[in-house]
Amino acid sequence: MGLHQHNDTGAKPDNLVSHTGQTRDGHPLAFNHAPAEDLRPWFTWFSATDATLPDGAELQGSMLNDLPCLRIMFGGKSRAETRDGTVPLEPGIDGGAYYFGPHSRAMQITMSGTIKVITVQLGPGAATAMGGPAQPDMIDRIVEHSKLVGHGELARRFCPDDTPDKWLAALERELRKFLGKFGARSPDPITQAFEMATLRDPTMTLLAFAEDQRVTPRTVERIIKRDYGLPPKQVLRRARALDLAAALMGVAMEDEEAELRLRYFDQSHQIRELRHFFGMTPRQFKQAPHSLLRLNLEVRQARRIEALDLLPQGAIQPWRDPSAEPNGAA
């Protein structure tokens, strides 16, 4: 397994300049890593994005989250096409915090200005375990964090001028204080097992998974719909599409790419699925820059690699340019 792959996707980088890492062919990436063990399984991955667009420029793209996440944002202006219509995100210099529900398909988003975003992905089933919003109600939605918790103080606990590693260290401290104050029961073990299965082999059948867990398929249906907001077959279908998309944009392990493509019956099946989730064919998908979506999907692949132990601990993902890693990231 090579640690220095170079996947030329054919797409040209756009004018988004990242200060938190980039691929070997120049596409922007986020600085990201797993949380400390004591924060799992409630929180599953951290990322920080610090990027800029030229004055007057606007970046149109999309994102596709398989898990709910909390994002602390500073500066810039964004608008997202959600289940509730167009939602403006204008945190200003003081910042704002937003809860992003999981997505049934790619959510269109437009950004301008400086993009500073600190993200924590909630673990599968964690929102349910911590008394958060019902996941079926949060599919394809974005809600201000203050409307969920009754205050808007979270963003004030971060300094927008800090380095990415300091942002994520501060995030760990805040989450640790939260768990210490309010506590939380562990997410459902069936949900956690299902998450590992979606990362390892999303072609599995619901019946095989249920038998492995020694429960009925109906029990799996109920638990997964509660904790993911979607039926298990749709969660698996989305996982296959996310892995294929990551391979097409060059942020998947090179020696896995053929296997990720073979999860589909044929080329027409790939085309149909990519159109469903991303609104374009594989050829169109590979030629587009996808700056925002790549930031999003690369984080998921990093989480997947860590969960499946595909790289030595501490090794940089092979698609990342080591010389572009932010200060303090090593």
C-alpha atoms as a PDB file:
ATOM      1  CA  MET A   1       0.000   0.000   0.000  1.00  0.00           C
ATOM      2  CA  GLY A   2       1.807   3.095  -1.234  1.00  0.00           C
ATOM      3  CA  LEU A   3       1.956   6.215   0.888  1.00  0.00           C
ATOM      4  CA  HIS A   4       2.731   8.577  -2.002  1.00  0.00           C
ATOM      5  CA  GLN A   5      -0.106   8.121  -4.474  1.00  0.00           C
ATOM      6  CA  HIS A   6      -0.839  10.839  -6.993  1.00  0.00           C
ATOM      7  CA  ASN A   7      -4.368  10.672  -8.357  1.00  0.00           C
ATOM      8  CA  ASP A   8      -4.824  13.085 -11.248  1.00  0.00           C
ATOM      9  CA  THR A   9      -8.570  13.576 -11.330  1.00  0.00           C
ATOM     10  CA  GLY A  10      -8.501  15.746 -14.428  1.00  0.00           C
ATOM     11  CA  ALA A  11     -10.215  18.594 -12.577  1.00  0.00           C
ATOM     12  CA  LYS A  12      -8.424  21.925 -12.231  1.00  0.00           C
ATOM     13  CA  PRO A  13      -8.281  23.589  -8.809  1.00  0.00           C
ATOM     14  CA  ASP A  14     -10.465  26.688  -8.572  1.00  0.00           C
ATOM     15  CA  ASN A  15      -9.630  29.961  -6.824  1.00  0.00           C
ATOM     16  CA  LEU A  16     -10.255  28.778  -3.255  1.00  0.00           C
ATOM     17  CA  VAL A  17      -6.942  29.068  -1.394  1.00  0.00           C
ATOM     18  CA  SER A  18      -6.643  26.704   1.597  1.00  0.00           C
ATOM     19  CA  HIS A  19      -4.454  27.253   4.652  1.00  0.00           C
ATOM     20  CA  THR A  20      -5.350  23.852   6.120  1.00  0.00           C
ATOM     21  CA  GLY A  21      -3.845  21.490   3.556  1.00  0.00           C
ATOM     22  CA  GLN A  22      -4.223  20.435  -0.052  1.00  0.00           C
ATOM     23  CA  THR A  23      -4.003  17.403  -2.317  1.00  0.00           C
ATOM     24  CA  ARG A  24      -0.847  16.652  -4.256  1.00  0.00           C
ATOM     25  CA  ASP A  25      -2.430  18.274  -7.312  1.00  0.00           C
ATOM     26  CA  GLY A  26      -3.424  21.442  -5.465  1.00  0.00           C
ATOM     27  CA  HIS A  27      -7.046  20.980  -4.382  1.00  0.00           C
ATOM     28  CA  PRO A  28      -7.916  22.476  -0.956  1.00  0.00           C
ATOM     29  CA  LEU A  29      -8.422  20.224   2.075  1.00  0.00           C
ATOM     30  CA  ALA A  30      -9.310  20.575   5.750  1.00  0.00           C
ATOM     31  CA  PHE A  31      -7.021  19.838   8.692  1.00  0.00           C
ATOM     32  CA  ASN A  32      -8.714  16.901  10.420  1.00  0.00           C
ATOM     33  CA  HIS A  33      -8.175  14.152  12.968  1.00  0.00           C
ATOM     34  CA  ALA A  34      -9.937  11.820  15.380  1.00  0.00           C
ATOM     35  CA  PRO A  35     -10.984  13.113  18.812  1.00  0.00           C
ATOM     36  CA  ALA A  36      -9.431  11.846  22.025  1.00  0.00           C
ATOM     37  CA  GLU A  37     -10.650   8.422  23.112  1.00  0.00           C
ATOM     38  CA  ASP A  38     -12.661   9.776  26.049  1.00  0.00           C
ATOM     39  CA  LEU A  39     -14.855  11.749  23.617  1.00  0.00           C
ATOM     40  CA  ARG A  40     -15.795   8.715  21.587  1.00  0.00           C
ATOM     41  CA  PRO A  41     -18.279   7.356  20.632  1.00  0.00           C
ATOM     42  CA  TRP A  42     -20.285  10.573  21.013  1.00  0.00           C
ATOM     43  CA  PHE A  43     -17.977  12.562  18.745  1.00  0.00           C
ATOM     44  CA  THR A  44     -16.313  10.822  15.855  1.00  0.00           C
ATOM     45  CA  TRP A  45     -14.150  13.286  13.880  1.00  0.00           C
ATOM     46  CA  PHE A  46     -12.831  16.856  14.005  1.00  0.00           C
ATOM     47  CA  SER A  47     -11.930  19.140  11.125  1.00  0.00           C
ATOM     48  CA  ALA A  48     -10.894  22.756  10.606  1.00  0.00           C
ATOM     49  CA  THR A  49     -11.019  24.732   7.375  1.00  0.00           C
ATOM     50  CA  ASP A  50      -9.315  28.062   6.847  1.00  0.00           C
ATOM     51  CA  ALA A  51      -9.593  29.228   3.251  1.00  0.00           C
ATOM     52  CA  THR A  52     -10.056  32.418   1.282  1.00  0.00           C
ATOM     53  CA  LEU A  53     -11.646  33.482  -1.968  1.00  0.00           C
ATOM     54  CA  PRO A  54     -10.615  36.554  -3.964  1.00  0.00           C
ATOM     55  CA  ASP A  55     -12.611  39.719  -3.277  1.00  0.00           C
ATOM     56  CA  GLY A  56     -15.928  39.568  -5.072  1.00  0.00           C
ATOM     57  CA  ALA A  57     -15.589  35.873  -5.949  1.00  0.00           C
ATOM     58  CA  GLU A  58     -18.310  33.372  -5.118  1.00  0.00           C
ATOM     59  CA  LEU A  59     -17.854  29.617  -4.868  1.00  0.00           C
ATOM     60  CA  GLN A  60     -20.756  27.332  -5.738  1.00  0.00           C
ATOM     61  CA  GLY A  61     -20.568  23.736  -4.599  1.00  0.00           C
ATOM     62  CA  SER A  62     -22.167  21.091  -2.445  1.00  0.00           C
ATOM     63  CA  MET A  63     -21.706  18.895   0.595  1.00  0.00           C
ATOM     64  CA  LEU A  64     -22.988  15.469   1.574  1.00  0.00           C
ATOM     65  CA  ASN A  65     -22.831  14.573   5.286  1.00  0.00           C
ATOM     66  CA  ASP A  66     -23.516  11.006   6.366  1.00  0.00           C
ATOM     67  CA  LEU A  67     -23.540  12.047  10.041  1.00  0.00           C
ATOM     68  CA  PRO A  68     -24.894  15.116  11.844  1.00  0.00           C
ATOM     69  CA  CYS A  69     -22.325  17.717  12.723  1.00  0.00           C
ATOM     70  CA  LEU A  70     -21.869  20.957  14.601  1.00  0.00           C
ATOM     71  CA  ARG A  71     -20.053  23.729  12.741  1.00  0.00           C
ATOM     72  CA  ILE A  72     -18.610  26.898  14.281  1.00  0.00           C
ATOM     73  CA  MET A  73     -18.143  29.433  11.486  1.00  0.00           C
ATOM     74  CA  PHE A  74     -16.411  32.815  11.294  1.00  0.00           C
ATOM     75  CA  GLY A  75     -16.567  35.477   8.599  1.00  0.00           C
ATOM     76  CA  GLY A  76     -17.676  34.976   5.052  1.00  0.00           C
ATOM     77  CA  LYS A  77     -21.194  34.576   3.757  1.00  0.00           C
ATOM     78  CA  SER A  78     -22.896  31.363   2.716  1.00  0.00           C
ATOM     79  CA  ARG A  79     -26.296  30.192   1.670  1.00  0.00           C
ATOM     80  CA  ALA A  80     -27.489  26.602   1.569  1.00  0.00           C
ATOM     81  CA  GLU A  81     -30.411  24.995  -0.233  1.00  0.00           C
ATOM     82  CA  THR A  82     -32.070  22.990   2.526  1.00  0.00           C
ATOM     83  CA  ARG A  83     -35.317  21.172   3.165  1.00  0.00           C
ATOM     84  CA  ASP A  84     -36.609  24.457   4.601  1.00  0.00           C
ATOM     85  CA  GLY A  85     -35.568  26.468   1.539  1.00  0.00           C
ATOM     86  CA  THR A  86     -32.565  28.767   1.181  1.00  0.00           C
ATOM     87  CA  VAL A  87     -30.828  29.268   4.542  1.00  0.00           C
ATOM     88  CA  PRO A  88     -28.349  32.188   4.842  1.00  0.00           C
ATOM     89  CA  LEU A  89     -25.270  31.590   6.993  1.00  0.00           C
ATOM     90  CA  GLU A  90     -23.682  34.931   7.883  1.00  0.00           C
ATOM     91  CA  PRO A  91     -21.770  34.440  11.153  1.00  0.00           C
ATOM     92  CA  GLY A  92     -19.744  37.653  10.882  1.00  0.00           C
ATOM     93  CA  ILE A  93     -16.529  38.304  12.781  1.00  0.00           C
ATOM     94  CA  ASP A  94     -18.046  37.166  16.095  1.00  0.00           C
ATOM     95  CA  GLY A  95     -18.907  33.788  14.626  1.00  0.00           C
ATOM     96  CA  GLY A  96     -21.917  31.516  14.764  1.00  0.00           C
ATOM     97  CA  ALA A  97     -22.649  27.861  15.490  1.00  0.00           C
ATOM     98  CA  TYR A  98     -24.911  25.699  13.339  1.00  0.00           C
ATOM     99  CA  TYR A  99     -26.244  22.158  13.558  1.00  0.00           C
ATOM    100  CA  PHE A 100     -26.155  20.370  10.193  1.00  0.00           C
ATOM    101  CA  GLY A 101     -28.360  17.333   9.915  1.00  0.00           C
ATOM    102  CA  PRO A 102     -27.402  14.335   7.745  1.00  0.00           C
ATOM    103  CA  HIS A 103     -28.090  14.565   4.014  1.00  0.00           C
ATOM    104  CA  SER A 104     -30.246  12.363   1.824  1.00  0.00           C
ATOM    105  CA  ARG A 105     -28.342  13.720  -1.197  1.00  0.00           C
ATOM    106  CA  ALA A 106     -25.877  16.523  -1.925  1.00  0.00           C
ATOM    107  CA  MET A 107     -26.886  19.914  -0.523  1.00  0.00           C
ATOM    108  CA  GLN A 108     -26.046  22.896  -2.724  1.00  0.00           C
ATOM    109  CA  ILE A 109     -24.121  25.640  -0.975  1.00  0.00           C
ATOM    110  CA  THR A 110     -22.599  28.948  -2.072  1.00  0.00           C
ATOM    111  CA  MET A 111     -19.792  30.746  -0.225  1.00  0.00           C
ATOM    112  CA  SER A 112     -17.881  34.001  -0.495  1.00  0.00           C
ATOM    113  CA  GLY A 113     -15.163  35.780   1.477  1.00  0.00           C
ATOM    114  CA  THR A 114     -13.061  34.127   4.160  1.00  0.00           C
ATOM    115  CA  ILE A 115     -14.075  30.612   5.122  1.00  0.00           C
ATOM    116  CA  LYS A 116     -13.183  29.611   8.681  1.00  0.00           C
ATOM    117  CA  VAL A 117     -15.059  26.547   9.883  1.00  0.00           C
ATOM    118  CA  ILE A 118     -14.526  24.278  12.900  1.00  0.00           C
ATOM    119  CA  THR A 119     -16.498  21.029  12.622  1.00  0.00           C
ATOM    120  CA  VAL A 120     -17.240  18.147  14.950  1.00  0.00           C
ATOM    121  CA  GLN A 121     -19.065  15.141  13.550  1.00  0.00           C
ATOM    122  CA  LEU A 122     -21.366  13.436  16.004  1.00  0.00           C
ATOM    123  CA  GLY A 123     -20.964   9.703  16.268  1.00  0.00           C
ATOM    124  CA  PRO A 124     -23.718   7.479  14.880  1.00  0.00           C
ATOM    125  CA  GLY A 125     -26.553   7.403  17.394  1.00  0.00           C
ATOM    126  CA  ALA A 126     -24.924  10.110  19.533  1.00  0.00           C
ATOM    127  CA  ALA A 127     -27.616  12.720  18.912  1.00  0.00           C
ATOM    128  CA  THR A 128     -30.222  10.259  20.166  1.00  0.00           C
ATOM    129  CA  ALA A 129     -28.101   9.254  23.168  1.00  0.00           C
ATOM    130  CA  MET A 130     -27.448  12.882  24.178  1.00  0.00           C
ATOM    131  CA  GLY A 131     -31.073  13.956  23.853  1.00  0.00           C
ATOM    132  CA  GLY A 132     -30.504  15.909  20.649  1.00  0.00           C
ATOM    133  CA  PRO A 133     -33.046  16.557  17.908  1.00  0.00           C
ATOM    134  CA  ALA A 134     -34.757  13.579  16.287  1.00  0.00           C
ATOM    135  CA  GLN A 135     -32.669  12.655  13.255  1.00  0.00           C
ATOM    136  CA  PRO A 136     -35.587  12.070  10.846  1.00  0.00           C
ATOM    137  CA  ASP A 137     -36.578  15.693  11.533  1.00  0.00           C
ATOM    138  CA  MET A 138     -33.059  16.944  10.759  1.00  0.00           C
ATOM    139  CA  ILE A 139     -32.470  15.337   7.365  1.00  0.00           C
ATOM    140  CA  ASP A 140     -31.293  18.000   4.861  1.00  0.00           C
ATOM    141  CA  ARG A 141     -31.673  20.795   7.406  1.00  0.00           C
ATOM    142  CA  ILE A 142     -29.432  23.406   9.066  1.00  0.00           C
ATOM    143  CA  VAL A 143     -30.466  24.927  12.395  1.00  0.00           C
ATOM    144  CA  GLU A 144     -28.756  27.566  14.502  1.00  0.00           C
ATOM    145  CA  HIS A 145     -27.208  25.909  17.547  1.00  0.00           C
ATOM    146  CA  SER A 146     -28.724  28.570  19.809  1.00  0.00           C
ATOM    147  CA  LYS A 147     -32.227  27.416  18.856  1.00  0.00           C
ATOM    148  CA  LEU A 148     -31.402  23.926  20.118  1.00  0.00           C
ATOM    149  CA  VAL A 149     -29.689  24.844  23.387  1.00  0.00           C
ATOM    150  CA  GLY A 150     -31.169  28.245  24.254  1.00  0.00           C
ATOM    151  CA  HIS A 151     -27.965  30.316  24.064  1.00  0.00           C
ATOM    152  CA  GLY A 152     -25.565  31.589  21.416  1.00  0.00           C
ATOM    153  CA  GLU A 153     -22.326  31.504  23.384  1.00  0.00           C
ATOM    154  CA  LEU A 154     -20.463  28.605  21.758  1.00  0.00           C
ATOM    155  CA  ALA A 155     -18.693  30.551  18.987  1.00  0.00           C
ATOM    156  CA  ARG A 156     -17.429  33.097  21.524  1.00  0.00           C
ATOM    157  CA  ARG A 157     -15.286  30.393  23.111  1.00  0.00           C
ATOM    158  CA  PHE A 158     -13.072  30.224  20.010  1.00  0.00           C
ATOM    159  CA  CYS A 159     -10.622  32.768  18.659  1.00  0.00           C
ATOM    160  CA  PRO A 160     -10.975  33.099  14.877  1.00  0.00           C
ATOM    161  CA  ASP A 161      -7.313  34.068  14.554  1.00  0.00           C
ATOM    162  CA  ASP A 162      -6.011  30.896  16.225  1.00  0.00           C
ATOM    163  CA  THR A 163      -4.296  28.131  14.265  1.00  0.00           C
ATOM    164  CA  PRO A 164      -6.314  25.046  13.225  1.00  0.00           C
ATOM    165  CA  ASP A 165      -4.679  22.826  15.846  1.00  0.00           C
ATOM    166  CA  LYS A 166      -5.583  25.338  18.566  1.00  0.00           C
ATOM    167  CA  TRP A 167      -9.175  25.453  17.290  1.00  0.00           C
ATOM    168  CA  LEU A 168      -9.491  21.684  17.575  1.00  0.00           C
ATOM    169  CA  ALA A 169      -7.790  21.608  20.976  1.00  0.00           C
ATOM    170  CA  ALA A 170     -10.331  24.189  22.187  1.00  0.00           C
ATOM    171  CA  LEU A 171     -13.120  22.101  20.670  1.00  0.00           C
ATOM    172  CA  GLU A 172     -11.964  19.058  22.640  1.00  0.00           C
ATOM    173  CA  ARG A 173     -11.978  21.075  25.861  1.00  0.00           C
ATOM    174  CA  GLU A 174     -15.512  22.360  25.235  1.00  0.00           C
ATOM    175  CA  LEU A 175     -16.880  18.910  24.412  1.00  0.00           C
ATOM    176  CA  ARG A 176     -15.176  17.388  27.445  1.00  0.00           C
ATOM    177  CA  LYS A 177     -16.766  20.044  29.664  1.00  0.00           C
ATOM    178  CA  PHE A 178     -20.142  19.326  28.069  1.00  0.00           C
ATOM    179  CA  LEU A 179     -19.916  15.595  28.755  1.00  0.00           C
ATOM    180  CA  GLY A 180     -18.647  16.231  32.284  1.00  0.00           C
ATOM    181  CA  LYS A 181     -21.547  18.541  33.037  1.00  0.00           C
ATOM    182  CA  PHE A 182     -24.434  16.756  31.362  1.00  0.00           C
ATOM    183  CA  GLY A 183     -23.184  13.196  30.867  1.00  0.00           C
ATOM    184  CA  ALA A 184     -24.498  10.946  28.119  1.00  0.00           C
ATOM    185  CA  ARG A 185     -25.415   7.331  27.728  1.00  0.00           C
ATOM    186  CA  SER A 186     -23.565   5.402  25.048  1.00  0.00           C
ATOM    187  CA  PRO A 187     -25.121   5.177  21.577  1.00  0.00           C
ATOM    188  CA  ASP A 188     -26.937   1.973  20.680  1.00  0.00           C
ATOM    189  CA  PRO A 189     -24.393  -0.831  20.015  1.00  0.00           C
ATOM    190  CA  ILE A 190     -26.389  -1.931  16.961  1.00  0.00           C
ATOM    191  CA  THR A 191     -26.014   1.559  15.505  1.00  0.00           C
ATOM    192  CA  GLN A 192     -22.278   1.522  16.181  1.00  0.00           C
ATOM    193  CA  ALA A 193     -21.928  -1.904  14.557  1.00  0.00           C
ATOM    194  CA  PHE A 194     -23.937  -0.721  11.563  1.00  0.00           C
ATOM    195  CA  GLU A 195     -21.642   2.290  11.131  1.00  0.00           C
ATOM    196  CA  MET A 196     -18.579   0.038  11.026  1.00  0.00           C
ATOM    197  CA  ALA A 197     -20.341  -2.155   8.495  1.00  0.00           C
ATOM    198  CA  THR A 198     -21.138   0.814   6.228  1.00  0.00           C
ATOM    199  CA  LEU A 199     -17.476   1.825   6.299  1.00  0.00           C
ATOM    200  CA  ARG A 200     -16.190  -1.700   5.695  1.00  0.00           C
ATOM    201  CA  ASP A 201     -18.717  -3.115   3.204  1.00  0.00           C
ATOM    202  CA  PRO A 202     -21.853  -1.119   2.308  1.00  0.00           C
ATOM    203  CA  THR A 203     -22.876  -3.870  -0.130  1.00  0.00           C
ATOM    204  CA  MET A 204     -23.953  -6.059   2.802  1.00  0.00           C
ATOM    205  CA  THR A 205     -27.590  -7.084   3.073  1.00  0.00           C
ATOM    206  CA  LEU A 206     -29.846  -5.967   5.888  1.00  0.00           C
ATOM    207  CA  LEU A 207     -30.725  -9.594   6.619  1.00  0.00           C
ATOM    208  CA  ALA A 208     -27.073 -10.627   6.980  1.00  0.00           C
ATOM    209  CA  PHE A 209     -26.391  -7.717   9.329  1.00  0.00           C
ATOM    210  CA  ALA A 210     -29.473  -8.497  11.437  1.00  0.00           C
ATOM    211  CA  GLU A 211     -28.458 -12.149  11.730  1.00  0.00           C
ATOM    212  CA  ASP A 212     -24.944 -11.139  12.761  1.00  0.00           C
ATOM    213  CA  GLN A 213     -26.412  -8.906  15.492  1.00  0.00           C
ATOM    214  CA  ARG A 214     -28.928 -11.610  16.493  1.00  0.00           C
ATOM    215  CA  VAL A 215     -31.901  -9.313  16.029  1.00  0.00           C
ATOM    216  CA  THR A 216     -34.690  -9.132  13.474  1.00  0.00           C
ATOM    217  CA  PRO A 217     -34.449  -6.982  10.324  1.00  0.00           C
ATOM    218  CA  ARG A 218     -37.393  -4.979  11.651  1.00  0.00           C
ATOM    219  CA  THR A 219     -35.397  -4.112  14.792  1.00  0.00           C
ATOM    220  CA  VAL A 220     -32.495  -2.915  12.640  1.00  0.00           C
ATOM    221  CA  GLU A 221     -34.886  -0.848  10.511  1.00  0.00           C
ATOM    222  CA  ARG A 222     -36.312   0.859  13.587  1.00  0.00           C
ATOM    223  CA  ILE A 223     -32.967   1.619  15.258  1.00  0.00           C
ATOM    224  CA  ILE A 224     -31.218   2.858  12.107  1.00  0.00           C
ATOM    225  CA  LYS A 225     -34.135   5.055  11.061  1.00  0.00           C
ATOM    226  CA  ARG A 226     -34.134   6.575  14.561  1.00  0.00           C
ATOM    227  CA  ASP A 227     -30.368   7.156  14.721  1.00  0.00           C
ATOM    228  CA  TYR A 228     -29.557   8.026  11.088  1.00  0.00           C
ATOM    229  CA  GLY A 229     -32.848   9.574  10.072  1.00  0.00           C
ATOM    230  CA  LEU A 230     -33.009   7.319   7.010  1.00  0.00           C
ATOM    231  CA  PRO A 231     -33.833   3.643   6.390  1.00  0.00           C
ATOM    232  CA  PRO A 232     -30.783   1.335   6.522  1.00  0.00           C
ATOM    233  CA  LYS A 233     -30.906   0.515   2.800  1.00  0.00           C
ATOM    234  CA  GLN A 234     -30.708   4.204   1.991  1.00  0.00           C
ATOM    235  CA  VAL A 235     -27.812   4.675   4.435  1.00  0.00           C
ATOM    236  CA  LEU A 236     -25.910   1.860   2.688  1.00  0.00           C
ATOM    237  CA  ARG A 237     -26.722   3.255  -0.745  1.00  0.00           C
ATOM    238  CA  ARG A 238     -25.411   6.663   0.312  1.00  0.00           C
ATOM    239  CA  ALA A 239     -22.221   5.104   1.741  1.00  0.00           C
ATOM    240  CA  ARG A 240     -21.478   3.398  -1.581  1.00  0.00           C
ATOM    241  CA  ALA A 241     -21.969   6.694  -3.418  1.00  0.00           C
ATOM    242  CA  LEU A 242     -19.730   8.573  -0.974  1.00  0.00           C
ATOM    243  CA  ASP A 243     -16.905   6.064  -1.445  1.00  0.00           C
ATOM    244  CA  LEU A 244     -17.252   6.145  -5.239  1.00  0.00           C
ATOM    245  CA  ALA A 245     -17.270   9.953  -5.247  1.00  0.00           C
ATOM    246  CA  ALA A 246     -14.145  10.036  -3.073  1.00  0.00           C
ATOM    247  CA  ALA A 247     -12.374   7.694  -5.516  1.00  0.00           C
ATOM    248  CA  LEU A 248     -13.396   9.825  -8.508  1.00  0.00           C
ATOM    249  CA  MET A 249     -12.024  12.990  -6.888  1.00  0.00           C
ATOM    250  CA  GLY A 250      -8.762  11.378  -5.785  1.00  0.00           C
ATOM    251  CA  VAL A 251      -9.237  11.218  -2.010  1.00  0.00           C
ATOM    252  CA  ALA A 252      -9.472   7.456  -1.555  1.00  0.00           C
ATOM    253  CA  MET A 253      -6.779   4.827  -1.108  1.00  0.00           C
ATOM    254  CA  GLU A 254      -5.424   4.066  -4.578  1.00  0.00           C
ATOM    255  CA  ASP A 255      -5.403   0.308  -4.062  1.00  0.00           C
ATOM    256  CA  GLU A 256      -9.082   0.412  -3.021  1.00  0.00           C
ATOM    257  CA  GLU A 257     -10.392   2.341  -6.009  1.00  0.00           C
ATOM    258  CA  ALA A 258     -11.147  -0.639  -8.240  1.00  0.00           C
ATOM    259  CA  GLU A 259     -13.052  -2.329  -5.416  1.00  0.00           C
ATOM    260  CA  LEU A 260     -15.073   0.822  -4.708  1.00  0.00           C
ATOM    261  CA  ARG A 261     -16.137   0.968  -8.354  1.00  0.00           C
ATOM    262  CA  LEU A 262     -16.988  -2.754  -8.478  1.00  0.00           C
ATOM    263  CA  ARG A 263     -19.664  -2.249  -5.836  1.00  0.00           C
ATOM    264  CA  TYR A 264     -21.904  -1.285  -8.760  1.00  0.00           C
ATOM    265  CA  PHE A 265     -23.350  -3.749 -11.259  1.00  0.00           C
ATOM    266  CA  ASP A 266     -22.155  -1.811 -14.311  1.00  0.00           C
ATOM    267  CA  GLN A 267     -21.451   1.668 -15.649  1.00  0.00           C
ATOM    268  CA  SER A 268     -25.144   2.508 -16.003  1.00  0.00           C
ATOM    269  CA  HIS A 269     -25.625   1.688 -12.315  1.00  0.00           C
ATOM    270  CA  GLN A 270     -22.790   4.083 -11.393  1.00  0.00           C
ATOM    271  CA  ILE A 271     -24.302   6.790 -13.596  1.00  0.00           C
ATOM    272  CA  ARG A 272     -27.737   6.365 -12.047  1.00  0.00           C
ATOM    273  CA  GLU A 273     -26.427   6.525  -8.489  1.00  0.00           C
ATOM    274  CA  LEU A 274     -24.162   9.539  -9.026  1.00  0.00           C
ATOM    275  CA  ARG A 275     -27.017  11.376 -10.706  1.00  0.00           C
ATOM    276  CA  HIS A 276     -29.264  10.557  -7.774  1.00  0.00           C
ATOM    277  CA  PHE A 277     -26.864  11.796  -5.083  1.00  0.00           C
ATOM    278  CA  PHE A 278     -24.864  14.484  -6.920  1.00  0.00           C
ATOM    279  CA  GLY A 279     -26.871  15.408 -10.023  1.00  0.00           C
ATOM    280  CA  MET A 280     -24.169  14.518 -12.565  1.00  0.00           C
ATOM    281  CA  THR A 281     -22.574  11.617 -14.433  1.00  0.00           C
ATOM    282  CA  PRO A 282     -19.206  10.114 -13.423  1.00  0.00           C
ATOM    283  CA  ARG A 283     -17.511  11.954 -16.320  1.00  0.00           C
ATOM    284  CA  GLN A 284     -19.051  15.280 -15.299  1.00  0.00           C
ATOM    285  CA  PHE A 285     -18.244  14.566 -11.667  1.00  0.00           C
ATOM    286  CA  LYS A 286     -14.572  13.850 -12.340  1.00  0.00           C
ATOM    287  CA  GLN A 287     -14.092  17.023 -14.394  1.00  0.00           C
ATOM    288  CA  ALA A 288     -15.637  19.441 -11.871  1.00  0.00           C
ATOM    289  CA  PRO A 289     -13.419  21.101  -9.206  1.00  0.00           C
ATOM    290  CA  HIS A 290     -15.680  20.163  -6.239  1.00  0.00           C
ATOM    291  CA  SER A 291     -13.715  22.255  -3.742  1.00  0.00           C
ATOM    292  CA  LEU A 292     -16.412  22.234  -1.050  1.00  0.00           C
ATOM    293  CA  LEU A 293     -17.451  18.626  -1.598  1.00  0.00           C
ATOM    294  CA  ARG A 294     -13.831  17.430  -1.555  1.00  0.00           C
ATOM    295  CA  LEU A 295     -13.295  19.139   1.805  1.00  0.00           C
ATOM    296  CA  ASN A 296     -16.358  17.260   3.017  1.00  0.00           C
ATOM    297  CA  LEU A 297     -15.669  13.792   1.570  1.00  0.00           C
ATOM    298  CA  GLU A 298     -11.943  13.775   2.345  1.00  0.00           C
ATOM    299  CA  VAL A 299     -12.788  14.095   6.029  1.00  0.00           C
ATOM    300  CA  ARG A 300     -15.067  11.056   5.766  1.00  0.00           C
ATOM    301  CA  GLN A 301     -12.356   9.037   4.031  1.00  0.00           C
ATOM    302  CA  ALA A 302      -9.860   9.961   6.738  1.00  0.00           C
ATOM    303  CA  ARG A 303     -12.373   8.746   9.341  1.00  0.00           C
ATOM    304  CA  ARG A 304     -12.952   5.554   7.347  1.00  0.00           C
ATOM    305  CA  ILE A 305      -9.228   4.846   7.013  1.00  0.00           C
ATOM    306  CA  GLU A 306      -8.738   5.277  10.751  1.00  0.00           C
ATOM    307  CA  ALA A 307     -11.751   3.096  11.613  1.00  0.00           C
ATOM    308  CA  LEU A 308     -10.621   0.279   9.301  1.00  0.00           C
ATOM    309  CA  ASP A 309      -6.920   0.624  10.237  1.00  0.00           C
ATOM    310  CA  LEU A 310      -5.843   1.042   6.608  1.00  0.00           C
ATOM    311  CA  LEU A 311      -2.755   3.139   7.433  1.00  0.00           C
ATOM    312  CA  PRO A 312      -0.190   3.090  10.241  1.00  0.00           C
ATOM    313  CA  GLN A 313      -1.185   5.305  13.151  1.00  0.00           C
ATOM    314  CA  GLY A 314      -0.093   8.893  12.579  1.00  0.00           C
ATOM    315  CA  ALA A 315       0.616   8.419   8.855  1.00  0.00           C
ATOM    316  CA  ILE A 316      -0.565  11.191   6.562  1.00  0.00           C
ATOM    317  CA  GLN A 317      -3.201  10.194   4.013  1.00  0.00           C
ATOM    318  CA  PRO A 318      -1.434   9.502   0.700  1.00  0.00           C
ATOM    319  CA  TRP A 319      -3.423  12.043  -1.318  1.00  0.00           C
ATOM    320  CA  ARG A 320      -2.340  14.924   0.949  1.00  0.00           C
ATOM    321  CA  ASP A 321       0.646  17.126   0.130  1.00  0.00           C
ATOM    322  CA  PRO A 322       2.913  16.957   3.225  1.00  0.00           C
ATOM    323  CA  SER A 323       4.481  20.323   2.412  1.00  0.00           C
ATOM    324  CA  ALA A 324       1.065  22.013   2.558  1.00  0.00           C
ATOM    325  CA  GLU A 325       0.074  20.818   6.029  1.00  0.00           C
ATOM    326  CA  PRO A 326      -0.686  23.740   8.394  1.00  0.00           C
ATOM    327  CA  ASN A 327       1.755  24.730  11.120  1.00  0.00           C
ATOM    328  CA  GLY A 328       1.133  22.682  14.241  1.00  0.00           C
ATOM    329  CA  ALA A 329      -0.533  19.855  12.313  1.00  0.00           C
ATOM    330  CA  ALA A 330       2.367  17.471  12.468  1.00  0.00           C
END
